[in-house]
Amino acid sequence: MNKTKRNLILSSAIINLINMVANLVILILYLVDPNKFGPILGQYIYLISYYSIYFVFVEVVAGIIASILLFYAIRHGGKYFRSSQRYYIAGLIIIIFAGGWIPWLLLFISMFIPDIIIINSRAEVRQEERAQDREIAEKRRKLEELRKLKEDGVITEEKFNQRLMDIL
């Protein structure tokens, strides 16, 4: 997965999670003493009383679930992102309805970044070349062992051909 896309999704999930925890703390403070925090929180308290405390609680739970879905979608550095895009989409939809505008904006931007790496760094290219070289060397070793077993008469021609196809 493209590191930029992964980082945007990760940032969105973290910002959304912080936003939801802050909403939960404000909700708890409001429930403890509504008169004390009314002047400080102003507009937010008006929204809580307008939409009801239950709506805010449902919004917080939905936002936390959305962040968890996004974390799951980019697990193992985004290695399984293509197979878990449904979690990404579900998290995006929930954040659109329950989250703040910054996480939504980051997710919207991440939609336009390809999820594949187009240009590899030199270190990544060298690492891939080394892995290919190891694989080729392992196949050569197995072929040599197989050839020796056939020459020594340990395996038949049919068994040799079968194992040869398995290796190749």
N, C-alpha and C. Protein backbone atom coordinates (compact mmCIF):
# COMPACT_ATOMS: atom_id res chain seq x y z
N MET A 1 0.84 -1.18 0.00
CA MET A 1 0.00 0.00 0.00
C MET A 1 0.88 1.24 0.00
N ASN A 2 0.45 2.23 -0.69
CA ASN A 2 1.15 3.50 -0.74
C ASN A 2 1.21 4.10 0.67
N LYS A 3 2.42 4.53 1.07
CA LYS A 3 2.61 5.04 2.43
C LYS A 3 1.82 6.32 2.68
N THR A 4 1.69 7.15 1.66
CA THR A 4 0.94 8.39 1.82
C THR A 4 -0.53 8.09 2.10
N LYS A 5 -1.09 7.16 1.35
CA LYS A 5 -2.49 6.78 1.56
C LYS A 5 -2.67 6.18 2.96
N ARG A 6 -1.75 5.28 3.33
CA ARG A 6 -1.83 4.66 4.65
C ARG A 6 -1.76 5.70 5.76
N ASN A 7 -0.85 6.66 5.63
CA ASN A 7 -0.70 7.69 6.65
C ASN A 7 -1.92 8.61 6.73
N LEU A 8 -2.54 8.91 5.58
CA LEU A 8 -3.76 9.72 5.60
C LEU A 8 -4.89 9.00 6.31
N ILE A 9 -5.04 7.71 6.02
CA ILE A 9 -6.09 6.93 6.67
C ILE A 9 -5.81 6.81 8.17
N LEU A 10 -4.55 6.56 8.51
CA LEU A 10 -4.17 6.46 9.92
C LEU A 10 -4.41 7.78 10.65
N SER A 11 -4.03 8.89 10.04
CA SER A 11 -4.25 10.21 10.66
C SER A 11 -5.74 10.47 10.84
N SER A 12 -6.52 10.12 9.85
CA SER A 12 -7.96 10.32 9.94
C SER A 12 -8.55 9.51 11.10
N ALA A 13 -8.13 8.26 11.23
CA ALA A 13 -8.64 7.41 12.31
C ALA A 13 -8.23 7.97 13.67
N ILE A 14 -6.99 8.43 13.80
CA ILE A 14 -6.51 8.96 15.09
C ILE A 14 -7.23 10.26 15.44
N ILE A 15 -7.35 11.16 14.47
CA ILE A 15 -8.04 12.44 14.73
C ILE A 15 -9.49 12.19 15.09
N ASN A 16 -10.14 11.27 14.38
CA ASN A 16 -11.53 10.95 14.69
C ASN A 16 -11.65 10.35 16.09
N LEU A 17 -10.72 9.48 16.45
CA LEU A 17 -10.74 8.87 17.78
C LEU A 17 -10.56 9.92 18.87
N ILE A 18 -9.63 10.85 18.67
CA ILE A 18 -9.43 11.94 19.63
C ILE A 18 -10.69 12.79 19.74
N ASN A 19 -11.31 13.09 18.61
CA ASN A 19 -12.55 13.87 18.59
C ASN A 19 -13.65 13.16 19.36
N MET A 20 -13.78 11.87 19.16
CA MET A 20 -14.85 11.12 19.83
C MET A 20 -14.59 11.03 21.34
N VAL A 21 -13.35 10.83 21.74
CA VAL A 21 -13.02 10.79 23.17
C VAL A 21 -13.29 12.16 23.81
N ALA A 22 -12.94 13.23 23.10
CA ALA A 22 -13.23 14.58 23.62
C ALA A 22 -14.74 14.79 23.76
N ASN A 23 -15.51 14.35 22.76
CA ASN A 23 -16.97 14.46 22.86
C ASN A 23 -17.50 13.67 24.05
N LEU A 24 -16.94 12.50 24.27
CA LEU A 24 -17.38 11.66 25.39
C LEU A 24 -17.06 12.33 26.73
N VAL A 25 -15.87 12.92 26.84
CA VAL A 25 -15.48 13.62 28.07
C VAL A 25 -16.40 14.81 28.31
N ILE A 26 -16.67 15.57 27.27
CA ILE A 26 -17.56 16.73 27.41
C ILE A 26 -18.96 16.28 27.81
N LEU A 27 -19.43 15.19 27.21
CA LEU A 27 -20.74 14.66 27.56
C LEU A 27 -20.79 14.25 29.04
N ILE A 28 -19.76 13.59 29.51
CA ILE A 28 -19.71 13.16 30.91
C ILE A 28 -19.66 14.38 31.83
N LEU A 29 -18.85 15.38 31.47
CA LEU A 29 -18.79 16.60 32.29
C LEU A 29 -20.14 17.30 32.33
N TYR A 30 -20.82 17.31 31.22
CA TYR A 30 -22.14 17.93 31.17
C TYR A 30 -23.14 17.17 32.03
N LEU A 31 -23.05 15.84 32.00
CA LEU A 31 -23.97 15.04 32.82
C LEU A 31 -23.70 15.20 34.30
N VAL A 32 -22.44 15.42 34.68
CA VAL A 32 -22.09 15.59 36.09
C VAL A 32 -22.65 16.91 36.62
N ASP A 33 -22.41 18.02 35.92
CA ASP A 33 -22.90 19.32 36.38
C ASP A 33 -23.19 20.21 35.18
N PRO A 34 -24.41 20.17 34.67
CA PRO A 34 -24.74 20.94 33.46
C PRO A 34 -24.62 22.45 33.64
N ASN A 35 -24.92 22.96 34.82
CA ASN A 35 -24.88 24.41 35.04
C ASN A 35 -23.45 24.95 35.07
N LYS A 36 -22.52 24.16 35.58
CA LYS A 36 -21.14 24.61 35.72
C LYS A 36 -20.44 24.74 34.36
N PHE A 37 -20.75 23.86 33.45
CA PHE A 37 -20.04 23.86 32.17
C PHE A 37 -20.82 24.56 31.06
N GLY A 38 -22.01 25.02 31.34
CA GLY A 38 -22.82 25.70 30.34
C GLY A 38 -22.13 26.92 29.72
N PRO A 39 -21.65 27.88 30.53
CA PRO A 39 -21.02 29.07 29.94
C PRO A 39 -19.71 28.77 29.21
N ILE A 40 -18.99 27.75 29.69
CA ILE A 40 -17.70 27.44 29.08
C ILE A 40 -17.89 26.77 27.72
N LEU A 41 -18.82 25.83 27.66
CA LEU A 41 -18.99 25.05 26.45
C LEU A 41 -19.98 25.69 25.47
N GLY A 42 -20.76 26.60 25.92
CA GLY A 42 -21.64 27.40 25.07
C GLY A 42 -22.42 26.63 24.03
N GLN A 43 -21.98 26.77 22.80
CA GLN A 43 -22.70 26.22 21.66
C GLN A 43 -22.79 24.70 21.73
N TYR A 44 -21.74 24.05 22.22
CA TYR A 44 -21.76 22.58 22.27
C TYR A 44 -22.86 22.08 23.21
N ILE A 45 -23.01 22.75 24.34
CA ILE A 45 -24.06 22.35 25.29
C ILE A 45 -25.43 22.55 24.66
N TYR A 46 -25.58 23.59 23.88
CA TYR A 46 -26.85 23.82 23.18
C TYR A 46 -27.12 22.65 22.23
N LEU A 47 -26.10 22.20 21.53
CA LEU A 47 -26.27 21.08 20.61
C LEU A 47 -26.62 19.79 21.36
N ILE A 48 -25.98 19.58 22.52
CA ILE A 48 -26.29 18.38 23.30
C ILE A 48 -27.76 18.41 23.73
N SER A 49 -28.21 19.55 24.23
CA SER A 49 -29.59 19.60 24.68
C SER A 49 -30.55 19.53 23.50
N TYR A 50 -30.15 20.06 22.35
CA TYR A 50 -31.01 20.06 21.17
C TYR A 50 -31.14 18.65 20.59
N TYR A 51 -30.02 17.97 20.40
CA TYR A 51 -30.04 16.65 19.78
C TYR A 51 -30.25 15.53 20.78
N SER A 52 -30.19 15.80 21.99
CA SER A 52 -30.31 14.87 23.12
C SER A 52 -28.99 14.18 23.40
N ILE A 53 -28.84 13.84 24.63
CA ILE A 53 -27.62 13.21 25.10
C ILE A 53 -27.44 11.84 24.45
N TYR A 54 -28.54 11.16 24.19
CA TYR A 54 -28.46 9.83 23.59
C TYR A 54 -27.88 9.88 22.18
N PHE A 55 -28.24 10.89 21.44
CA PHE A 55 -27.72 11.04 20.09
C PHE A 55 -26.20 11.25 20.12
N VAL A 56 -25.74 12.07 21.05
CA VAL A 56 -24.30 12.31 21.17
C VAL A 56 -23.58 11.02 21.55
N PHE A 57 -24.18 10.24 22.46
CA PHE A 57 -23.58 8.96 22.85
C PHE A 57 -23.50 8.01 21.66
N VAL A 58 -24.56 7.92 20.88
CA VAL A 58 -24.56 7.05 19.69
C VAL A 58 -23.52 7.55 18.69
N GLU A 59 -23.40 8.86 18.54
CA GLU A 59 -22.41 9.43 17.63
C GLU A 59 -21.00 9.06 18.08
N VAL A 60 -20.73 9.13 19.37
CA VAL A 60 -19.41 8.79 19.90
C VAL A 60 -19.10 7.31 19.66
N VAL A 61 -20.05 6.44 19.95
CA VAL A 61 -19.83 5.01 19.74
C VAL A 61 -19.60 4.72 18.25
N ALA A 62 -20.40 5.32 17.38
CA ALA A 62 -20.24 5.13 15.94
C ALA A 62 -18.87 5.64 15.48
N GLY A 63 -18.44 6.78 16.00
CA GLY A 63 -17.13 7.32 15.63
C GLY A 63 -15.99 6.43 16.06
N ILE A 64 -16.09 5.85 17.25
CA ILE A 64 -15.05 4.93 17.73
C ILE A 64 -15.03 3.67 16.86
N ILE A 65 -16.20 3.17 16.51
CA ILE A 65 -16.27 2.00 15.62
C ILE A 65 -15.66 2.33 14.26
N ALA A 66 -15.91 3.52 13.74
CA ALA A 66 -15.34 3.93 12.46
C ALA A 66 -13.81 3.95 12.52
N SER A 67 -13.26 4.47 13.60
CA SER A 67 -11.80 4.49 13.74
C SER A 67 -11.24 3.07 13.80
N ILE A 68 -11.91 2.19 14.51
CA ILE A 68 -11.47 0.80 14.59
C ILE A 68 -11.50 0.15 13.21
N LEU A 69 -12.55 0.42 12.44
CA LEU A 69 -12.63 -0.13 11.08
C LEU A 69 -11.48 0.37 10.21
N LEU A 70 -11.14 1.64 10.35
CA LEU A 70 -10.03 2.20 9.56
C LEU A 70 -8.70 1.59 9.98
N PHE A 71 -8.50 1.42 11.29
CA PHE A 71 -7.27 0.77 11.76
C PHE A 71 -7.17 -0.64 11.20
N TYR A 72 -8.30 -1.35 11.18
CA TYR A 72 -8.30 -2.73 10.68
C TYR A 72 -8.02 -2.77 9.17
N ALA A 73 -8.54 -1.77 8.44
CA ALA A 73 -8.35 -1.74 6.99
C ALA A 73 -6.89 -1.58 6.60
N ILE A 74 -6.08 -0.93 7.44
CA ILE A 74 -4.68 -0.70 7.08
C ILE A 74 -3.72 -1.51 7.95
N ARG A 75 -4.22 -2.61 8.51
CA ARG A 75 -3.37 -3.45 9.37
C ARG A 75 -2.17 -3.97 8.58
N HIS A 76 -1.12 -4.29 9.29
CA HIS A 76 0.13 -4.81 8.72
C HIS A 76 0.68 -3.88 7.63
N GLY A 77 0.65 -2.59 7.89
CA GLY A 77 1.20 -1.62 6.95
C GLY A 77 0.44 -1.53 5.65
N GLY A 78 -0.83 -1.92 5.65
CA GLY A 78 -1.63 -1.85 4.44
C GLY A 78 -1.47 -3.05 3.53
N LYS A 79 -0.84 -4.09 4.02
CA LYS A 79 -0.58 -5.28 3.21
C LYS A 79 -1.87 -5.92 2.72
N TYR A 80 -2.92 -5.88 3.53
CA TYR A 80 -4.17 -6.52 3.18
C TYR A 80 -5.27 -5.51 2.82
N PHE A 81 -4.87 -4.31 2.39
CA PHE A 81 -5.85 -3.26 2.15
C PHE A 81 -6.86 -3.63 1.06
N ARG A 82 -6.38 -4.25 0.00
CA ARG A 82 -7.30 -4.60 -1.09
C ARG A 82 -8.37 -5.57 -0.64
N SER A 83 -8.04 -6.48 0.25
CA SER A 83 -9.03 -7.44 0.72
C SER A 83 -9.90 -6.88 1.85
N SER A 84 -9.53 -5.74 2.40
CA SER A 84 -10.32 -5.16 3.50
C SER A 84 -10.81 -3.76 3.17
N GLN A 85 -11.03 -3.50 1.89
CA GLN A 85 -11.53 -2.18 1.50
C GLN A 85 -12.94 -1.93 2.01
N ARG A 86 -13.70 -2.99 2.25
CA ARG A 86 -15.06 -2.80 2.76
C ARG A 86 -15.04 -2.15 4.14
N TYR A 87 -14.00 -2.44 4.94
CA TYR A 87 -13.88 -1.81 6.24
C TYR A 87 -13.54 -0.33 6.09
N TYR A 88 -12.71 -0.03 5.11
CA TYR A 88 -12.36 1.36 4.80
C TYR A 88 -13.61 2.13 4.39
N ILE A 89 -14.39 1.56 3.49
CA ILE A 89 -15.61 2.23 3.02
C ILE A 89 -16.61 2.40 4.17
N ALA A 90 -16.77 1.37 4.98
CA ALA A 90 -17.69 1.47 6.13
C ALA A 90 -17.22 2.56 7.09
N GLY A 91 -15.91 2.60 7.38
CA GLY A 91 -15.37 3.65 8.24
C GLY A 91 -15.58 5.03 7.66
N LEU A 92 -15.38 5.15 6.35
CA LEU A 92 -15.58 6.44 5.67
C LEU A 92 -17.03 6.89 5.79
N ILE A 93 -17.96 6.00 5.54
CA ILE A 93 -19.38 6.36 5.61
C ILE A 93 -19.77 6.77 7.03
N ILE A 94 -19.30 6.02 8.01
CA ILE A 94 -19.64 6.36 9.41
C ILE A 94 -19.04 7.70 9.78
N ILE A 95 -17.80 7.97 9.35
CA ILE A 95 -17.16 9.25 9.69
C ILE A 95 -17.88 10.40 9.00
N ILE A 96 -18.38 10.18 7.79
CA ILE A 96 -19.13 11.24 7.11
C ILE A 96 -20.35 11.63 7.94
N PHE A 97 -21.03 10.65 8.52
CA PHE A 97 -22.25 10.94 9.28
C PHE A 97 -21.99 11.27 10.75
N ALA A 98 -20.93 10.71 11.34
CA ALA A 98 -20.75 10.88 12.79
C ALA A 98 -19.46 11.59 13.17
N GLY A 99 -18.51 11.70 12.27
CA GLY A 99 -17.21 12.27 12.63
C GLY A 99 -17.11 13.75 12.30
N GLY A 100 -15.93 14.25 12.54
CA GLY A 100 -15.67 15.65 12.25
C GLY A 100 -15.27 15.85 10.79
N TRP A 101 -15.10 17.09 10.41
CA TRP A 101 -14.80 17.37 9.01
C TRP A 101 -13.35 17.11 8.65
N ILE A 102 -12.42 17.18 9.60
CA ILE A 102 -11.00 16.93 9.28
C ILE A 102 -10.78 15.46 8.93
N PRO A 103 -11.27 14.50 9.73
CA PRO A 103 -11.10 13.10 9.32
C PRO A 103 -11.77 12.80 7.99
N TRP A 104 -12.95 13.37 7.78
CA TRP A 104 -13.64 13.16 6.52
C TRP A 104 -12.82 13.70 5.35
N LEU A 105 -12.26 14.88 5.51
CA LEU A 105 -11.45 15.48 4.46
C LEU A 105 -10.21 14.64 4.15
N LEU A 106 -9.53 14.14 5.18
CA LEU A 106 -8.35 13.30 4.97
C LEU A 106 -8.71 12.01 4.23
N LEU A 107 -9.84 11.41 4.60
CA LEU A 107 -10.28 10.20 3.91
C LEU A 107 -10.68 10.50 2.47
N PHE A 108 -11.28 11.64 2.26
CA PHE A 108 -11.65 12.03 0.90
C PHE A 108 -10.40 12.19 0.03
N ILE A 109 -9.37 12.82 0.58
CA ILE A 109 -8.11 12.98 -0.16
C ILE A 109 -7.48 11.62 -0.42
N SER A 110 -7.53 10.73 0.57
CA SER A 110 -6.90 9.41 0.41
C SER A 110 -7.57 8.58 -0.68
N MET A 111 -8.82 8.89 -1.01
CA MET A 111 -9.51 8.15 -2.06
C MET A 111 -8.87 8.37 -3.42
N PHE A 112 -8.20 9.48 -3.61
CA PHE A 112 -7.62 9.80 -4.91
C PHE A 112 -6.15 9.38 -5.02
N ILE A 113 -5.62 8.76 -3.99
CA ILE A 113 -4.24 8.27 -4.02
C ILE A 113 -4.29 6.78 -4.32
N PRO A 114 -3.55 6.34 -5.32
CA PRO A 114 -3.58 4.90 -5.63
C PRO A 114 -3.07 4.09 -4.45
N ASP A 115 -3.63 2.90 -4.27
CA ASP A 115 -3.22 2.08 -3.13
C ASP A 115 -2.07 1.15 -3.48
N ILE A 116 -1.46 1.36 -4.63
CA ILE A 116 -0.27 0.58 -4.98
C ILE A 116 0.94 1.50 -5.01
N ILE A 117 2.09 0.91 -4.82
CA ILE A 117 3.32 1.69 -4.87
C ILE A 117 3.80 1.72 -6.31
N ILE A 118 3.90 2.90 -6.87
CA ILE A 118 4.28 3.03 -8.27
C ILE A 118 5.80 3.04 -8.41
N ILE A 119 6.47 3.75 -7.54
CA ILE A 119 7.93 3.85 -7.60
C ILE A 119 8.50 3.32 -6.29
N ASN A 120 9.35 2.34 -6.40
CA ASN A 120 9.99 1.78 -5.21
C ASN A 120 11.29 2.52 -4.94
N SER A 121 11.65 2.58 -3.68
CA SER A 121 12.94 3.18 -3.33
C SER A 121 14.05 2.20 -3.69
N ARG A 122 15.27 2.68 -3.70
CA ARG A 122 16.40 1.81 -4.04
C ARG A 122 16.53 0.64 -3.08
N ALA A 123 16.30 0.91 -1.81
CA ALA A 123 16.40 -0.15 -0.80
C ALA A 123 15.34 -1.23 -1.05
N GLU A 124 14.12 -0.81 -1.40
CA GLU A 124 13.06 -1.78 -1.68
C GLU A 124 13.37 -2.60 -2.93
N VAL A 125 13.94 -1.96 -3.94
CA VAL A 125 14.32 -2.68 -5.16
C VAL A 125 15.40 -3.71 -4.85
N ARG A 126 16.42 -3.31 -4.07
CA ARG A 126 17.48 -4.24 -3.70
C ARG A 126 16.94 -5.40 -2.88
N GLN A 127 16.02 -5.11 -1.99
CA GLN A 127 15.42 -6.16 -1.16
C GLN A 127 14.65 -7.15 -2.04
N GLU A 128 13.91 -6.66 -3.02
CA GLU A 128 13.18 -7.54 -3.92
C GLU A 128 14.14 -8.38 -4.77
N GLU A 129 15.23 -7.76 -5.23
CA GLU A 129 16.21 -8.50 -6.02
C GLU A 129 16.87 -9.61 -5.20
N ARG A 130 17.19 -9.30 -3.94
CA ARG A 130 17.78 -10.33 -3.07
C ARG A 130 16.81 -11.48 -2.83
N ALA A 131 15.55 -11.17 -2.66
CA ALA A 131 14.54 -12.21 -2.46
C ALA A 131 14.42 -13.09 -3.70
N GLN A 132 14.46 -12.48 -4.88
CA GLN A 132 14.40 -13.25 -6.13
C GLN A 132 15.65 -14.11 -6.29
N ASP A 133 16.82 -13.56 -5.94
CA ASP A 133 18.06 -14.34 -6.03
C ASP A 133 18.02 -15.54 -5.08
N ARG A 134 17.50 -15.34 -3.88
CA ARG A 134 17.39 -16.46 -2.93
C ARG A 134 16.44 -17.53 -3.46
N GLU A 135 15.36 -17.10 -4.06
CA GLU A 135 14.39 -18.04 -4.61
C GLU A 135 15.00 -18.86 -5.75
N ILE A 136 15.74 -18.21 -6.63
CA ILE A 136 16.40 -18.90 -7.74
C ILE A 136 17.44 -19.87 -7.22
N ALA A 137 18.22 -19.45 -6.24
CA ALA A 137 19.24 -20.33 -5.67
C ALA A 137 18.61 -21.55 -5.01
N GLU A 138 17.48 -21.35 -4.34
CA GLU A 138 16.79 -22.46 -3.69
C GLU A 138 16.27 -23.45 -4.74
N LYS A 139 15.73 -22.95 -5.84
CA LYS A 139 15.27 -23.83 -6.90
C LYS A 139 16.42 -24.62 -7.52
N ARG A 140 17.56 -23.96 -7.73
CA ARG A 140 18.74 -24.65 -8.28
C ARG A 140 19.20 -25.77 -7.35
N ARG A 141 19.21 -25.47 -6.06
CA ARG A 141 19.62 -26.47 -5.09
C ARG A 141 18.69 -27.68 -5.12
N LYS A 142 17.39 -27.43 -5.17
CA LYS A 142 16.42 -28.52 -5.22
C LYS A 142 16.56 -29.33 -6.52
N LEU A 143 16.82 -28.64 -7.63
CA LEU A 143 17.00 -29.35 -8.91
C LEU A 143 18.24 -30.24 -8.88
N GLU A 144 19.31 -29.72 -8.28
CA GLU A 144 20.53 -30.52 -8.17
C GLU A 144 20.30 -31.76 -7.30
N GLU A 145 19.61 -31.59 -6.19
CA GLU A 145 19.31 -32.73 -5.33
C GLU A 145 18.45 -33.75 -6.08
N LEU A 146 17.47 -33.25 -6.82
CA LEU A 146 16.58 -34.13 -7.57
C LEU A 146 17.34 -34.88 -8.66
N ARG A 147 18.24 -34.16 -9.36
CA ARG A 147 19.06 -34.79 -10.40
C ARG A 147 19.94 -35.88 -9.81
N LYS A 148 20.52 -35.60 -8.65
CA LYS A 148 21.40 -36.58 -8.00
C LYS A 148 20.62 -37.82 -7.56
N LEU A 149 19.39 -37.61 -7.04
CA LEU A 149 18.56 -38.75 -6.65
C LEU A 149 18.22 -39.63 -7.85
N LYS A 150 17.97 -39.01 -8.99
CA LYS A 150 17.66 -39.77 -10.20
C LYS A 150 18.88 -40.55 -10.68
N GLU A 151 20.04 -39.89 -10.69
CA GLU A 151 21.28 -40.55 -11.14
C GLU A 151 21.66 -41.71 -10.22
N ASP A 152 21.39 -41.58 -8.94
CA ASP A 152 21.71 -42.66 -7.99
C ASP A 152 20.67 -43.78 -8.04
N GLY A 153 19.58 -43.57 -8.75
CA GLY A 153 18.56 -44.60 -8.87
C GLY A 153 17.61 -44.66 -7.70
N VAL A 154 17.57 -43.63 -6.88
CA VAL A 154 16.69 -43.60 -5.71
C VAL A 154 15.23 -43.37 -6.14
N ILE A 155 15.05 -42.56 -7.18
CA ILE A 155 13.68 -42.29 -7.65
C ILE A 155 13.56 -42.68 -9.12
N THR A 156 12.34 -42.97 -9.54
CA THR A 156 12.09 -43.37 -10.92
C THR A 156 11.96 -42.13 -11.80
N GLU A 157 11.93 -42.38 -13.12
CA GLU A 157 11.78 -41.29 -14.10
C GLU A 157 10.44 -40.57 -13.89
N GLU A 158 9.42 -41.34 -13.62
CA GLU A 158 8.09 -40.76 -13.41
C GLU A 158 8.07 -39.87 -12.17
N LYS A 159 8.64 -40.35 -11.08
CA LYS A 159 8.71 -39.58 -9.83
C LYS A 159 9.58 -38.33 -10.04
N PHE A 160 10.68 -38.50 -10.81
CA PHE A 160 11.55 -37.37 -11.12
C PHE A 160 10.78 -36.28 -11.84
N ASN A 161 10.03 -36.65 -12.86
CA ASN A 161 9.25 -35.67 -13.64
C ASN A 161 8.18 -35.00 -12.79
N GLN A 162 7.56 -35.78 -11.91
CA GLN A 162 6.54 -35.22 -11.03
C GLN A 162 7.15 -34.17 -10.08
N ARG A 163 8.25 -34.49 -9.45
CA ARG A 163 8.90 -33.54 -8.54
C ARG A 163 9.47 -32.34 -9.29
N LEU A 164 9.94 -32.57 -10.51
CA LEU A 164 10.46 -31.49 -11.34
C LEU A 164 9.37 -30.46 -11.62
N MET A 165 8.18 -30.93 -11.94
CA MET A 165 7.05 -30.01 -12.20
C MET A 165 6.66 -29.28 -10.92
N ASP A 166 6.77 -29.93 -9.76
CA ASP A 166 6.46 -29.28 -8.49
C ASP A 166 7.43 -28.13 -8.22
N ILE A 167 8.68 -28.37 -8.51
CA ILE A 167 9.71 -27.34 -8.27
C ILE A 167 9.55 -26.17 -9.21
N LEU A 168 9.31 -26.48 -10.48
CA LEU A 168 9.19 -25.42 -11.48
C LEU A 168 7.82 -24.79 -11.42
